[in-house]
Amino acid sequence: MTIPQAVVFDMDGVLVDSEPVWEEVRRGYVADRGGTWHSDTQERLMGMNTPEWAAYLATDVIGGDATAEQVAYEVVDRMSRRYADEVPVMPGAVEAVERLAEFRPLGVASSSPRVLIELVLGRLGIAGRFRTLVSTEDVDLGKPAPDGYLAAAARLEVAAEACVAVEDSSNGLRSAHAAGMRVVAVPHPRYPPAEDALALASLKISSLDELTPTVLRDL
């Protein structure tokens, strides 16, 4: 196996501890609209792109006269306001990005909209470390489809098989693996991936402090 030529990060749950924020914001929005949050709603939403999760919330969770476009706009607006107050960075995230940017070209493949990706990376001071950002608007299908990771590899001009993806969720792990990338899993303690998805990873680490060029060379 060749040494990886690029590294592609997921954002939510990897660089920022945003899954609890997304859940809180969406739960609050659903409650305000008179909908019902189901026991599996958060798991279903993780990895979906914006049109997918907005349609799911509008149709299956809220119902009534809510449209997917309206749901997407209003939820993303609430997320933007939350991030303007505070970005919940994951431990070691900034340092890992800085460390690996000296090793290989970096990209982001995220299910978040571009406005949130740029806001978060700008607030963390690491936007300039990434050569490409693939957002929910850039692909037809969200995770677990491989579209986002394939797009990131193409923009980096590196074969997907020569890339390493850094992921936390079940759908993210499946997406990167389906793209043909080697995958480093950093499971979120509150939202651990399914065992079958975790089994797709080439390496499991407990924190981003363990993500080093040496570890990636040995994959």
N, C-alpha and C. Protein backbone atom coordinates (compact mmCIF):
# COMPACT_ATOMS: atom_id res chain seq x y z
N MET A 1 0.85 -1.19 0.00
CA MET A 1 0.00 0.00 0.00
C MET A 1 0.89 1.24 0.00
N THR A 2 0.58 2.21 -0.86
CA THR A 2 1.39 3.42 -0.96
C THR A 2 1.10 4.36 0.20
N ILE A 3 2.06 5.23 0.47
CA ILE A 3 1.88 6.26 1.50
C ILE A 3 0.79 7.21 1.03
N PRO A 4 -0.14 7.58 1.88
CA PRO A 4 -1.23 8.47 1.47
C PRO A 4 -0.70 9.78 0.88
N GLN A 5 -1.39 10.24 -0.14
CA GLN A 5 -0.99 11.47 -0.82
C GLN A 5 -1.87 12.67 -0.46
N ALA A 6 -2.94 12.45 0.26
CA ALA A 6 -3.82 13.53 0.70
C ALA A 6 -4.66 13.05 1.87
N VAL A 7 -5.15 13.99 2.66
CA VAL A 7 -5.99 13.68 3.81
C VAL A 7 -7.27 14.50 3.70
N VAL A 8 -8.42 13.83 3.84
CA VAL A 8 -9.70 14.51 3.75
C VAL A 8 -10.43 14.35 5.08
N PHE A 9 -10.75 15.46 5.70
CA PHE A 9 -11.43 15.47 6.99
C PHE A 9 -12.94 15.64 6.81
N ASP A 10 -13.70 14.89 7.57
CA ASP A 10 -15.07 15.28 7.87
C ASP A 10 -14.97 16.46 8.84
N MET A 11 -16.04 17.24 8.95
CA MET A 11 -15.99 18.36 9.88
C MET A 11 -16.80 18.10 11.14
N ASP A 12 -18.09 17.84 10.98
CA ASP A 12 -18.96 17.67 12.13
C ASP A 12 -18.63 16.38 12.88
N GLY A 13 -18.30 16.52 14.15
CA GLY A 13 -17.95 15.36 14.97
C GLY A 13 -16.48 15.00 14.91
N VAL A 14 -15.73 15.60 13.98
CA VAL A 14 -14.29 15.34 13.87
C VAL A 14 -13.51 16.59 14.25
N LEU A 15 -13.73 17.68 13.55
CA LEU A 15 -13.04 18.93 13.86
C LEU A 15 -13.79 19.76 14.88
N VAL A 16 -15.10 19.69 14.83
CA VAL A 16 -15.92 20.42 15.79
C VAL A 16 -16.94 19.48 16.41
N ASP A 17 -17.19 19.71 17.69
CA ASP A 17 -18.14 18.87 18.42
C ASP A 17 -19.55 19.40 18.16
N SER A 18 -19.95 19.32 16.92
CA SER A 18 -21.17 19.98 16.48
C SER A 18 -22.40 19.09 16.50
N GLU A 19 -22.22 17.78 16.56
CA GLU A 19 -23.41 16.92 16.54
C GLU A 19 -24.37 17.24 17.70
N PRO A 20 -23.86 17.46 18.94
CA PRO A 20 -24.81 17.85 19.99
C PRO A 20 -25.49 19.18 19.70
N VAL A 21 -24.78 20.10 19.02
CA VAL A 21 -25.37 21.39 18.69
C VAL A 21 -26.44 21.22 17.61
N TRP A 22 -26.10 20.43 16.56
CA TRP A 22 -27.09 20.15 15.54
C TRP A 22 -28.34 19.51 16.16
N GLU A 23 -28.14 18.55 17.05
CA GLU A 23 -29.29 17.88 17.67
C GLU A 23 -30.12 18.87 18.48
N GLU A 24 -29.44 19.69 19.28
CA GLU A 24 -30.17 20.67 20.11
C GLU A 24 -30.94 21.66 19.25
N VAL A 25 -30.28 22.16 18.20
CA VAL A 25 -30.93 23.14 17.33
C VAL A 25 -32.10 22.52 16.58
N ARG A 26 -31.89 21.33 16.03
CA ARG A 26 -32.98 20.69 15.29
C ARG A 26 -34.12 20.29 16.21
N ARG A 27 -33.78 19.76 17.38
CA ARG A 27 -34.84 19.40 18.34
C ARG A 27 -35.68 20.63 18.69
N GLY A 28 -34.99 21.73 18.97
CA GLY A 28 -35.70 22.95 19.32
C GLY A 28 -36.56 23.45 18.18
N TYR A 29 -36.04 23.35 16.98
CA TYR A 29 -36.80 23.79 15.81
C TYR A 29 -38.03 22.91 15.61
N VAL A 30 -37.84 21.60 15.72
CA VAL A 30 -38.97 20.67 15.56
C VAL A 30 -40.03 20.95 16.61
N ALA A 31 -39.60 21.17 17.86
CA ALA A 31 -40.56 21.47 18.92
C ALA A 31 -41.31 22.77 18.64
N ASP A 32 -40.59 23.78 18.16
CA ASP A 32 -41.23 25.07 17.85
C ASP A 32 -42.25 24.93 16.74
N ARG A 33 -42.01 23.97 15.81
CA ARG A 33 -42.93 23.77 14.70
C ARG A 33 -44.02 22.74 15.03
N GLY A 34 -44.01 22.22 16.26
CA GLY A 34 -45.05 21.29 16.68
C GLY A 34 -44.85 19.87 16.20
N GLY A 35 -43.59 19.54 15.83
CA GLY A 35 -43.30 18.19 15.37
C GLY A 35 -42.93 17.26 16.51
N THR A 36 -42.62 16.02 16.16
CA THR A 36 -42.25 14.99 17.14
C THR A 36 -40.89 14.43 16.80
N TRP A 37 -39.93 14.57 17.71
CA TRP A 37 -38.58 14.03 17.54
C TRP A 37 -38.59 12.56 17.93
N HIS A 38 -38.22 11.67 17.00
CA HIS A 38 -38.27 10.24 17.26
C HIS A 38 -36.94 9.74 17.83
N SER A 39 -36.96 8.55 18.38
CA SER A 39 -35.77 8.00 19.04
C SER A 39 -34.61 7.81 18.09
N ASP A 40 -34.90 7.58 16.80
CA ASP A 40 -33.83 7.34 15.83
C ASP A 40 -33.59 8.54 14.91
N THR A 41 -34.19 9.67 15.21
CA THR A 41 -34.08 10.82 14.30
C THR A 41 -32.65 11.30 14.15
N GLN A 42 -31.94 11.48 15.25
CA GLN A 42 -30.57 12.00 15.17
C GLN A 42 -29.67 11.05 14.37
N GLU A 43 -29.78 9.76 14.62
CA GLU A 43 -28.96 8.79 13.89
C GLU A 43 -29.26 8.85 12.39
N ARG A 44 -30.52 8.99 12.04
CA ARG A 44 -30.89 9.06 10.63
C ARG A 44 -30.30 10.31 9.96
N LEU A 45 -30.26 11.40 10.69
CA LEU A 45 -29.83 12.67 10.12
C LEU A 45 -28.33 12.75 9.88
N MET A 46 -27.55 12.04 10.66
CA MET A 46 -26.09 12.17 10.59
C MET A 46 -25.58 11.72 9.22
N GLY A 47 -24.93 12.62 8.51
CA GLY A 47 -24.36 12.32 7.20
C GLY A 47 -25.23 12.75 6.04
N MET A 48 -26.54 12.97 6.29
CA MET A 48 -27.41 13.44 5.20
C MET A 48 -26.95 14.83 4.74
N ASN A 49 -27.11 15.09 3.43
CA ASN A 49 -26.86 16.45 2.98
C ASN A 49 -28.07 17.32 3.30
N THR A 50 -27.94 18.61 3.06
CA THR A 50 -28.99 19.54 3.49
C THR A 50 -30.35 19.24 2.88
N PRO A 51 -30.46 19.04 1.56
CA PRO A 51 -31.79 18.71 1.03
C PRO A 51 -32.39 17.44 1.62
N GLU A 52 -31.52 16.46 1.91
CA GLU A 52 -32.01 15.19 2.46
C GLU A 52 -32.55 15.36 3.87
N TRP A 53 -31.75 16.01 4.76
CA TRP A 53 -32.24 16.11 6.14
C TRP A 53 -33.40 17.10 6.26
N ALA A 54 -33.39 18.13 5.43
CA ALA A 54 -34.50 19.08 5.48
C ALA A 54 -35.79 18.43 5.03
N ALA A 55 -35.71 17.62 3.97
CA ALA A 55 -36.90 16.91 3.49
C ALA A 55 -37.39 15.91 4.52
N TYR A 56 -36.44 15.21 5.18
CA TYR A 56 -36.83 14.24 6.20
C TYR A 56 -37.55 14.93 7.36
N LEU A 57 -36.97 16.04 7.85
CA LEU A 57 -37.61 16.76 8.95
C LEU A 57 -38.98 17.28 8.54
N ALA A 58 -39.05 17.87 7.35
CA ALA A 58 -40.31 18.46 6.90
C ALA A 58 -41.40 17.40 6.74
N THR A 59 -41.04 16.25 6.20
CA THR A 59 -42.04 15.24 5.86
C THR A 59 -42.33 14.28 7.00
N ASP A 60 -41.28 13.75 7.64
CA ASP A 60 -41.45 12.67 8.61
C ASP A 60 -41.48 13.13 10.06
N VAL A 61 -40.96 14.31 10.34
CA VAL A 61 -40.83 14.74 11.73
C VAL A 61 -41.77 15.90 12.07
N ILE A 62 -41.87 16.86 11.15
CA ILE A 62 -42.71 18.02 11.42
C ILE A 62 -44.08 17.85 10.79
N GLY A 63 -44.11 17.56 9.49
CA GLY A 63 -45.38 17.42 8.80
C GLY A 63 -46.03 18.79 8.60
N GLY A 64 -47.30 18.79 8.32
CA GLY A 64 -48.00 20.05 8.13
C GLY A 64 -47.57 20.75 6.86
N ASP A 65 -47.44 22.07 6.94
CA ASP A 65 -47.16 22.86 5.74
C ASP A 65 -45.70 23.25 5.62
N ALA A 66 -44.82 22.65 6.42
CA ALA A 66 -43.39 22.96 6.34
C ALA A 66 -42.82 22.43 5.03
N THR A 67 -42.03 23.25 4.35
CA THR A 67 -41.33 22.80 3.15
C THR A 67 -39.87 22.54 3.48
N ALA A 68 -39.24 21.67 2.68
CA ALA A 68 -37.83 21.36 2.92
C ALA A 68 -36.97 22.61 2.80
N GLU A 69 -37.27 23.47 1.85
CA GLU A 69 -36.50 24.69 1.66
C GLU A 69 -36.60 25.60 2.88
N GLN A 70 -37.79 25.73 3.42
CA GLN A 70 -37.99 26.56 4.60
C GLN A 70 -37.26 25.98 5.81
N VAL A 71 -37.38 24.67 5.99
CA VAL A 71 -36.71 24.00 7.11
C VAL A 71 -35.20 24.20 7.02
N ALA A 72 -34.65 23.98 5.84
CA ALA A 72 -33.20 24.12 5.66
C ALA A 72 -32.75 25.53 6.00
N TYR A 73 -33.42 26.52 5.46
CA TYR A 73 -33.03 27.92 5.68
C TYR A 73 -33.08 28.27 7.16
N GLU A 74 -34.15 27.89 7.83
CA GLU A 74 -34.34 28.30 9.22
C GLU A 74 -33.40 27.57 10.17
N VAL A 75 -33.15 26.28 9.91
CA VAL A 75 -32.23 25.53 10.78
C VAL A 75 -30.79 26.01 10.57
N VAL A 76 -30.37 26.20 9.33
CA VAL A 76 -29.01 26.68 9.07
C VAL A 76 -28.82 28.08 9.66
N ASP A 77 -29.84 28.90 9.59
CA ASP A 77 -29.74 30.23 10.21
C ASP A 77 -29.53 30.12 11.72
N ARG A 78 -30.23 29.21 12.36
CA ARG A 78 -30.04 29.01 13.80
C ARG A 78 -28.63 28.49 14.10
N MET A 79 -28.14 27.58 13.26
CA MET A 79 -26.77 27.07 13.44
C MET A 79 -25.74 28.19 13.25
N SER A 80 -25.93 29.04 12.27
CA SER A 80 -25.00 30.14 12.04
C SER A 80 -24.93 31.05 13.25
N ARG A 81 -26.07 31.33 13.85
CA ARG A 81 -26.09 32.19 15.04
C ARG A 81 -25.40 31.52 16.22
N ARG A 82 -25.57 30.21 16.34
CA ARG A 82 -24.87 29.49 17.42
C ARG A 82 -23.36 29.54 17.22
N TYR A 83 -22.90 29.29 15.98
CA TYR A 83 -21.47 29.31 15.70
C TYR A 83 -20.88 30.71 15.84
N ALA A 84 -21.68 31.72 15.59
CA ALA A 84 -21.19 33.09 15.77
C ALA A 84 -20.87 33.36 17.23
N ASP A 85 -21.58 32.69 18.12
CA ASP A 85 -21.32 32.83 19.56
C ASP A 85 -20.16 31.96 20.01
N GLU A 86 -20.12 30.73 19.52
CA GLU A 86 -19.08 29.78 19.96
C GLU A 86 -18.96 28.63 18.98
N VAL A 87 -17.72 28.25 18.68
CA VAL A 87 -17.46 27.07 17.87
C VAL A 87 -16.90 25.99 18.79
N PRO A 88 -17.61 24.87 18.98
CA PRO A 88 -17.17 23.85 19.93
C PRO A 88 -16.10 22.94 19.34
N VAL A 89 -14.88 23.40 19.31
CA VAL A 89 -13.79 22.67 18.68
C VAL A 89 -13.50 21.37 19.42
N MET A 90 -13.22 20.32 18.66
CA MET A 90 -12.84 19.04 19.26
C MET A 90 -11.41 19.13 19.78
N PRO A 91 -11.10 18.45 20.89
CA PRO A 91 -9.73 18.48 21.42
C PRO A 91 -8.71 18.03 20.39
N GLY A 92 -7.68 18.83 20.23
CA GLY A 92 -6.59 18.47 19.33
C GLY A 92 -6.85 18.71 17.86
N ALA A 93 -8.03 19.27 17.51
CA ALA A 93 -8.39 19.41 16.10
C ALA A 93 -7.49 20.40 15.38
N VAL A 94 -7.33 21.57 15.94
CA VAL A 94 -6.51 22.60 15.28
C VAL A 94 -5.08 22.11 15.13
N GLU A 95 -4.55 21.52 16.18
CA GLU A 95 -3.18 21.03 16.14
C GLU A 95 -3.01 19.91 15.10
N ALA A 96 -4.01 19.02 14.98
CA ALA A 96 -3.94 17.94 14.01
C ALA A 96 -3.94 18.49 12.58
N VAL A 97 -4.78 19.47 12.34
CA VAL A 97 -4.82 20.08 11.01
C VAL A 97 -3.49 20.75 10.68
N GLU A 98 -2.97 21.52 11.62
CA GLU A 98 -1.70 22.20 11.40
C GLU A 98 -0.58 21.18 11.15
N ARG A 99 -0.61 20.10 11.90
CA ARG A 99 0.43 19.06 11.79
C ARG A 99 0.37 18.37 10.43
N LEU A 100 -0.83 17.99 10.01
CA LEU A 100 -0.96 17.23 8.77
C LEU A 100 -0.85 18.13 7.53
N ALA A 101 -1.14 19.41 7.67
CA ALA A 101 -0.99 20.32 6.53
C ALA A 101 0.46 20.43 6.09
N GLU A 102 1.38 20.15 7.01
CA GLU A 102 2.81 20.15 6.66
C GLU A 102 3.23 18.83 6.01
N PHE A 103 2.32 17.85 6.06
CA PHE A 103 2.61 16.50 5.56
C PHE A 103 2.03 16.26 4.18
N ARG A 104 0.75 16.57 4.00
CA ARG A 104 0.06 16.30 2.75
C ARG A 104 -1.03 17.37 2.52
N PRO A 105 -1.50 17.51 1.27
CA PRO A 105 -2.64 18.40 1.01
C PRO A 105 -3.87 17.92 1.76
N LEU A 106 -4.65 18.89 2.23
CA LEU A 106 -5.84 18.57 3.03
C LEU A 106 -7.11 19.04 2.32
N GLY A 107 -8.17 18.30 2.56
CA GLY A 107 -9.49 18.69 2.09
C GLY A 107 -10.52 18.44 3.16
N VAL A 108 -11.71 18.98 2.95
CA VAL A 108 -12.87 18.72 3.81
C VAL A 108 -13.98 18.17 2.95
N ALA A 109 -14.63 17.12 3.43
CA ALA A 109 -15.84 16.58 2.80
C ALA A 109 -16.91 16.54 3.88
N SER A 110 -17.79 17.52 3.86
CA SER A 110 -18.73 17.70 4.96
C SER A 110 -20.17 17.70 4.47
N SER A 111 -21.05 17.24 5.33
CA SER A 111 -22.48 17.30 5.04
C SER A 111 -23.08 18.65 5.40
N SER A 112 -22.28 19.54 5.96
CA SER A 112 -22.75 20.88 6.28
C SER A 112 -22.77 21.76 5.04
N PRO A 113 -23.60 22.80 5.04
CA PRO A 113 -23.57 23.77 3.94
C PRO A 113 -22.29 24.60 4.00
N ARG A 114 -21.90 25.14 2.84
CA ARG A 114 -20.64 25.87 2.75
C ARG A 114 -20.58 27.04 3.73
N VAL A 115 -21.68 27.72 3.93
CA VAL A 115 -21.66 28.88 4.82
C VAL A 115 -21.21 28.49 6.22
N LEU A 116 -21.61 27.30 6.69
CA LEU A 116 -21.20 26.86 8.03
C LEU A 116 -19.76 26.36 8.02
N ILE A 117 -19.35 25.67 6.96
CA ILE A 117 -17.97 25.20 6.89
C ILE A 117 -17.01 26.38 6.92
N GLU A 118 -17.27 27.38 6.10
CA GLU A 118 -16.38 28.54 6.05
C GLU A 118 -16.41 29.32 7.36
N LEU A 119 -17.58 29.41 7.98
CA LEU A 119 -17.68 30.10 9.26
C LEU A 119 -16.86 29.39 10.33
N VAL A 120 -17.00 28.07 10.41
CA VAL A 120 -16.30 27.29 11.43
C VAL A 120 -14.79 27.33 11.22
N LEU A 121 -14.34 27.03 10.01
CA LEU A 121 -12.89 26.98 9.77
C LEU A 121 -12.27 28.36 9.92
N GLY A 122 -13.01 29.39 9.54
CA GLY A 122 -12.51 30.73 9.73
C GLY A 122 -12.38 31.09 11.20
N ARG A 123 -13.37 30.74 11.99
CA ARG A 123 -13.31 31.01 13.43
C ARG A 123 -12.17 30.26 14.10
N LEU A 124 -11.86 29.06 13.59
CA LEU A 124 -10.78 28.26 14.17
C LEU A 124 -9.41 28.68 13.64
N GLY A 125 -9.37 29.51 12.62
CA GLY A 125 -8.12 29.99 12.08
C GLY A 125 -7.37 28.98 11.22
N ILE A 126 -8.10 28.01 10.65
CA ILE A 126 -7.44 26.97 9.87
C ILE A 126 -7.99 26.88 8.44
N ALA A 127 -8.78 27.84 8.03
CA ALA A 127 -9.38 27.78 6.69
C ALA A 127 -8.32 27.67 5.60
N GLY A 128 -7.22 28.39 5.77
CA GLY A 128 -6.17 28.40 4.77
C GLY A 128 -5.38 27.12 4.67
N ARG A 129 -5.59 26.22 5.59
CA ARG A 129 -4.86 24.95 5.56
C ARG A 129 -5.48 23.93 4.61
N PHE A 130 -6.68 24.19 4.14
CA PHE A 130 -7.38 23.22 3.29
C PHE A 130 -7.36 23.69 1.84
N ARG A 131 -6.99 22.79 0.95
CA ARG A 131 -6.95 23.12 -0.47
C ARG A 131 -8.31 23.05 -1.12
N THR A 132 -9.22 22.29 -0.55
CA THR A 132 -10.56 22.22 -1.11
C THR A 132 -11.57 21.93 -0.01
N LEU A 133 -12.78 22.47 -0.20
CA LEU A 133 -13.89 22.23 0.71
C LEU A 133 -15.06 21.71 -0.11
N VAL A 134 -15.54 20.53 0.23
CA VAL A 134 -16.72 19.97 -0.43
C VAL A 134 -17.86 20.03 0.57
N SER A 135 -18.92 20.72 0.18
CA SER A 135 -20.06 20.92 1.06
C SER A 135 -21.27 20.15 0.56
N THR A 136 -22.34 20.25 1.31
CA THR A 136 -23.58 19.57 0.95
C THR A 136 -24.12 20.04 -0.40
N GLU A 137 -23.83 21.31 -0.77
CA GLU A 137 -24.33 21.83 -2.03
C GLU A 137 -23.59 21.27 -3.24
N ASP A 138 -22.44 20.67 -3.01
CA ASP A 138 -21.57 20.26 -4.12
C ASP A 138 -21.84 18.86 -4.63
N VAL A 139 -22.70 18.11 -3.97
CA VAL A 139 -22.93 16.71 -4.37
C VAL A 139 -24.41 16.41 -4.43
N ASP A 140 -24.75 15.40 -5.23
CA ASP A 140 -26.16 15.01 -5.36
C ASP A 140 -26.64 14.20 -4.16
N LEU A 141 -25.76 13.35 -3.63
CA LEU A 141 -26.16 12.45 -2.55
C LEU A 141 -25.26 12.66 -1.34
N GLY A 142 -25.85 12.68 -0.15
CA GLY A 142 -25.08 12.77 1.08
C GLY A 142 -24.52 11.42 1.49
N LYS A 143 -23.78 11.41 2.57
CA LYS A 143 -23.24 10.18 3.12
C LYS A 143 -24.39 9.29 3.56
N PRO A 144 -24.34 7.98 3.36
CA PRO A 144 -23.19 7.11 3.08
C PRO A 144 -22.79 6.97 1.62
N ALA A 145 -23.43 7.68 0.70
CA ALA A 145 -22.96 7.67 -0.68
C ALA A 145 -21.55 8.26 -0.73
N PRO A 146 -20.71 7.84 -1.66
CA PRO A 146 -19.32 8.28 -1.68
C PRO A 146 -19.09 9.62 -2.36
N ASP A 147 -20.16 10.28 -2.81
CA ASP A 147 -20.03 11.47 -3.67
C ASP A 147 -19.10 12.54 -3.12
N GLY A 148 -19.26 12.88 -1.85
CA GLY A 148 -18.47 13.96 -1.26
C GLY A 148 -16.99 13.65 -1.24
N TYR A 149 -16.64 12.44 -0.88
CA TYR A 149 -15.23 12.06 -0.83
C TYR A 149 -14.63 11.94 -2.22
N LEU A 150 -15.41 11.46 -3.16
CA LEU A 150 -14.91 11.39 -4.53
C LEU A 150 -14.68 12.79 -5.10
N ALA A 151 -15.57 13.70 -4.78
CA ALA A 151 -15.40 15.08 -5.24
C ALA A 151 -14.16 15.72 -4.62
N ALA A 152 -13.93 15.47 -3.34
CA ALA A 152 -12.75 16.03 -2.68
C ALA A 152 -11.47 15.50 -3.31
N ALA A 153 -11.42 14.19 -3.57
CA ALA A 153 -10.23 13.61 -4.20
C ALA A 153 -9.99 14.20 -5.57
N ALA A 154 -11.06 14.35 -6.34
CA ALA A 154 -10.92 14.92 -7.69
C ALA A 154 -10.38 16.33 -7.63
N ARG A 155 -10.87 17.13 -6.71
CA ARG A 155 -10.41 18.51 -6.59
C ARG A 155 -8.97 18.59 -6.10
N LEU A 156 -8.57 17.63 -5.29
CA LEU A 156 -7.18 17.57 -4.83
C LEU A 156 -6.26 16.98 -5.89
N GLU A 157 -6.86 16.44 -6.96
CA GLU A 157 -6.12 15.79 -8.05
C GLU A 157 -5.29 14.61 -7.53
N VAL A 158 -5.92 13.86 -6.64
CA VAL A 158 -5.33 12.65 -6.06
C VAL A 158 -6.36 11.53 -6.19
N ALA A 159 -5.93 10.36 -6.59
CA ALA A 159 -6.85 9.22 -6.66
C ALA A 159 -7.43 8.94 -5.29
N ALA A 160 -8.70 8.59 -5.26
CA ALA A 160 -9.34 8.33 -3.97
C ALA A 160 -8.60 7.26 -3.18
N GLU A 161 -8.07 6.27 -3.88
CA GLU A 161 -7.36 5.17 -3.22
C GLU A 161 -6.07 5.66 -2.54
N ALA A 162 -5.59 6.83 -2.93
CA ALA A 162 -4.37 7.38 -2.34
C ALA A 162 -4.67 8.39 -1.25
N CYS A 163 -5.95 8.51 -0.88
CA CYS A 163 -6.36 9.46 0.16
C CYS A 163 -6.70 8.72 1.46
N VAL A 164 -6.55 9.43 2.55
CA VAL A 164 -7.03 8.97 3.85
C VAL A 164 -8.16 9.89 4.29
N ALA A 165 -9.26 9.31 4.74
CA ALA A 165 -10.37 10.08 5.29
C ALA A 165 -10.38 9.94 6.81
N VAL A 166 -10.77 11.02 7.48
CA VAL A 166 -10.87 11.02 8.94
C VAL A 166 -12.34 11.23 9.27
N GLU A 167 -12.95 10.23 9.90
CA GLU A 167 -14.40 10.21 10.09
C GLU A 167 -14.78 9.77 11.50
N ASP A 168 -16.04 10.07 11.86
CA ASP A 168 -16.54 9.66 13.18
C ASP A 168 -17.83 8.86 13.11
N SER A 169 -18.68 9.12 12.12
CA SER A 169 -20.03 8.55 12.13
C SER A 169 -20.14 7.30 11.25
N SER A 170 -21.20 6.56 11.46
CA SER A 170 -21.45 5.37 10.65
C SER A 170 -21.55 5.73 9.17
N ASN A 171 -22.38 6.72 8.85
CA ASN A 171 -22.57 7.09 7.45
C ASN A 171 -21.29 7.67 6.85
N GLY A 172 -20.53 8.39 7.65
CA GLY A 172 -19.27 8.94 7.16
C GLY A 172 -18.25 7.86 6.86
N LEU A 173 -18.13 6.89 7.74
CA LEU A 173 -17.21 5.78 7.54
C LEU A 173 -17.60 4.99 6.29
N ARG A 174 -18.88 4.74 6.12
CA ARG A 174 -19.34 4.02 4.94
C ARG A 174 -19.09 4.81 3.66
N SER A 175 -19.27 6.10 3.74
CA SER A 175 -19.06 6.96 2.58
C SER A 175 -17.61 6.94 2.12
N ALA A 176 -16.70 7.17 3.05
CA ALA A 176 -15.28 7.21 2.70
C ALA A 176 -14.79 5.86 2.19
N HIS A 177 -15.25 4.79 2.83
CA HIS A 177 -14.85 3.45 2.40
C HIS A 177 -15.39 3.15 1.01
N ALA A 178 -16.64 3.55 0.75
CA ALA A 178 -17.22 3.32 -0.57
C ALA A 178 -16.48 4.08 -1.66
N ALA A 179 -15.86 5.21 -1.27
CA ALA A 179 -15.07 5.99 -2.23
C ALA A 179 -13.72 5.33 -2.52
N GLY A 180 -13.35 4.33 -1.73
CA GLY A 180 -12.08 3.64 -1.92
C GLY A 180 -10.95 4.18 -1.09
N MET A 181 -11.27 5.07 -0.14
CA MET A 181 -10.23 5.65 0.70
C MET A 181 -9.93 4.77 1.90
N ARG A 182 -8.71 4.88 2.39
CA ARG A 182 -8.42 4.34 3.70
C ARG A 182 -9.02 5.28 4.75
N VAL A 183 -9.56 4.71 5.81
CA VAL A 183 -10.33 5.51 6.75
C VAL A 183 -9.76 5.40 8.15
N VAL A 184 -9.56 6.56 8.78
CA VAL A 184 -9.22 6.62 10.20
C VAL A 184 -10.50 7.00 10.95
N ALA A 185 -10.91 6.16 11.87
CA ALA A 185 -12.11 6.41 12.66
C ALA A 185 -11.75 7.08 13.98
N VAL A 186 -12.45 8.18 14.28
CA VAL A 186 -12.33 8.85 15.58
C VAL A 186 -13.74 8.88 16.17
N PRO A 187 -14.19 7.78 16.76
CA PRO A 187 -15.59 7.70 17.20
C PRO A 187 -15.94 8.78 18.23
N HIS A 188 -17.10 9.38 18.04
CA HIS A 188 -17.61 10.35 19.00
C HIS A 188 -18.19 9.58 20.18
N PRO A 189 -17.83 9.94 21.40
CA PRO A 189 -18.31 9.16 22.55
C PRO A 189 -19.83 9.19 22.74
N ARG A 190 -20.47 10.28 22.30
CA ARG A 190 -21.93 10.37 22.48
C ARG A 190 -22.68 9.73 21.33
N TYR A 191 -22.05 9.72 20.14
CA TYR A 191 -22.70 9.17 18.96
C TYR A 191 -21.79 8.14 18.31
N PRO A 192 -21.52 7.03 18.98
CA PRO A 192 -20.58 6.04 18.43
C PRO A 192 -21.12 5.40 17.15
N PRO A 193 -20.25 5.09 16.21
CA PRO A 193 -20.70 4.44 14.98
C PRO A 193 -21.09 3.00 15.23
N ALA A 194 -21.87 2.47 14.31
CA ALA A 194 -22.25 1.05 14.36
C ALA A 194 -21.00 0.19 14.17
N GLU A 195 -21.01 -0.99 14.75
CA GLU A 195 -19.84 -1.86 14.69
C GLU A 195 -19.49 -2.24 13.26
N ASP A 196 -20.50 -2.48 12.42
CA ASP A 196 -20.19 -2.85 11.04
C ASP A 196 -19.55 -1.71 10.28
N ALA A 197 -19.91 -0.48 10.61
CA ALA A 197 -19.28 0.68 9.97
C ALA A 197 -17.87 0.88 10.50
N LEU A 198 -17.70 0.72 11.80
CA LEU A 198 -16.38 0.87 12.40
C LEU A 198 -15.40 -0.15 11.85
N ALA A 199 -15.90 -1.32 11.51
CA ALA A 199 -15.05 -2.38 10.97
C ALA A 199 -14.46 -2.02 9.61
N LEU A 200 -15.01 -1.01 8.95
CA LEU A 200 -14.49 -0.58 7.65
C LEU A 200 -13.24 0.28 7.77
N ALA A 201 -12.96 0.76 8.97
CA ALA A 201 -11.81 1.66 9.17
C ALA A 201 -10.50 0.89 9.15
N SER A 202 -9.48 1.52 8.60
CA SER A 202 -8.13 0.95 8.63
C SER A 202 -7.50 1.14 10.00
N LEU A 203 -7.96 2.17 10.72
CA LEU A 203 -7.39 2.48 12.03
C LEU A 203 -8.45 3.17 12.86
N LYS A 204 -8.51 2.83 14.14
CA LYS A 204 -9.37 3.51 15.09
C LYS A 204 -8.50 4.21 16.11
N ILE A 205 -8.75 5.51 16.33
CA ILE A 205 -8.02 6.27 17.35
C ILE A 205 -9.03 6.89 18.30
N SER A 206 -8.56 7.21 19.50
CA SER A 206 -9.47 7.75 20.51
C SER A 206 -9.52 9.26 20.49
N SER A 207 -8.51 9.91 19.91
CA SER A 207 -8.50 11.37 19.83
C SER A 207 -7.62 11.81 18.68
N LEU A 208 -7.79 13.05 18.27
CA LEU A 208 -6.99 13.59 17.18
C LEU A 208 -5.53 13.80 17.56
N ASP A 209 -5.22 13.75 18.84
CA ASP A 209 -3.82 13.83 19.25
C ASP A 209 -3.01 12.66 18.69
N GLU A 210 -3.69 11.56 18.40
CA GLU A 210 -3.01 10.37 17.86
C GLU A 210 -2.82 10.42 16.35
N LEU A 211 -3.39 11.44 15.70
CA LEU A 211 -3.33 11.52 14.24
C LEU A 211 -2.07 12.26 13.82
N THR A 212 -1.07 11.50 13.40
CA THR A 212 0.23 12.06 13.05
C THR A 212 0.67 11.55 11.68
N PRO A 213 1.61 12.24 11.04
CA PRO A 213 2.15 11.72 9.78
C PRO A 213 2.69 10.31 9.89
N THR A 214 3.32 9.98 11.01
CA THR A 214 3.87 8.64 11.20
C THR A 214 2.76 7.58 11.16
N VAL A 215 1.65 7.87 11.83
CA VAL A 215 0.51 6.94 11.83
C VAL A 215 -0.03 6.76 10.41
N LEU A 216 -0.12 7.83 9.66
CA LEU A 216 -0.66 7.72 8.31
C LEU A 216 0.28 7.00 7.37
N ARG A 217 1.56 7.19 7.55
CA ARG A 217 2.55 6.46 6.71
C ARG A 217 2.42 4.95 6.92
N ASP A 218 2.02 4.55 8.12
CA ASP A 218 1.99 3.12 8.46
C ASP A 218 0.66 2.45 8.11
N LEU A 219 -0.30 3.22 7.59
CA LEU A 219 -1.60 2.61 7.28
C LEU A 219 -1.47 1.57 6.17
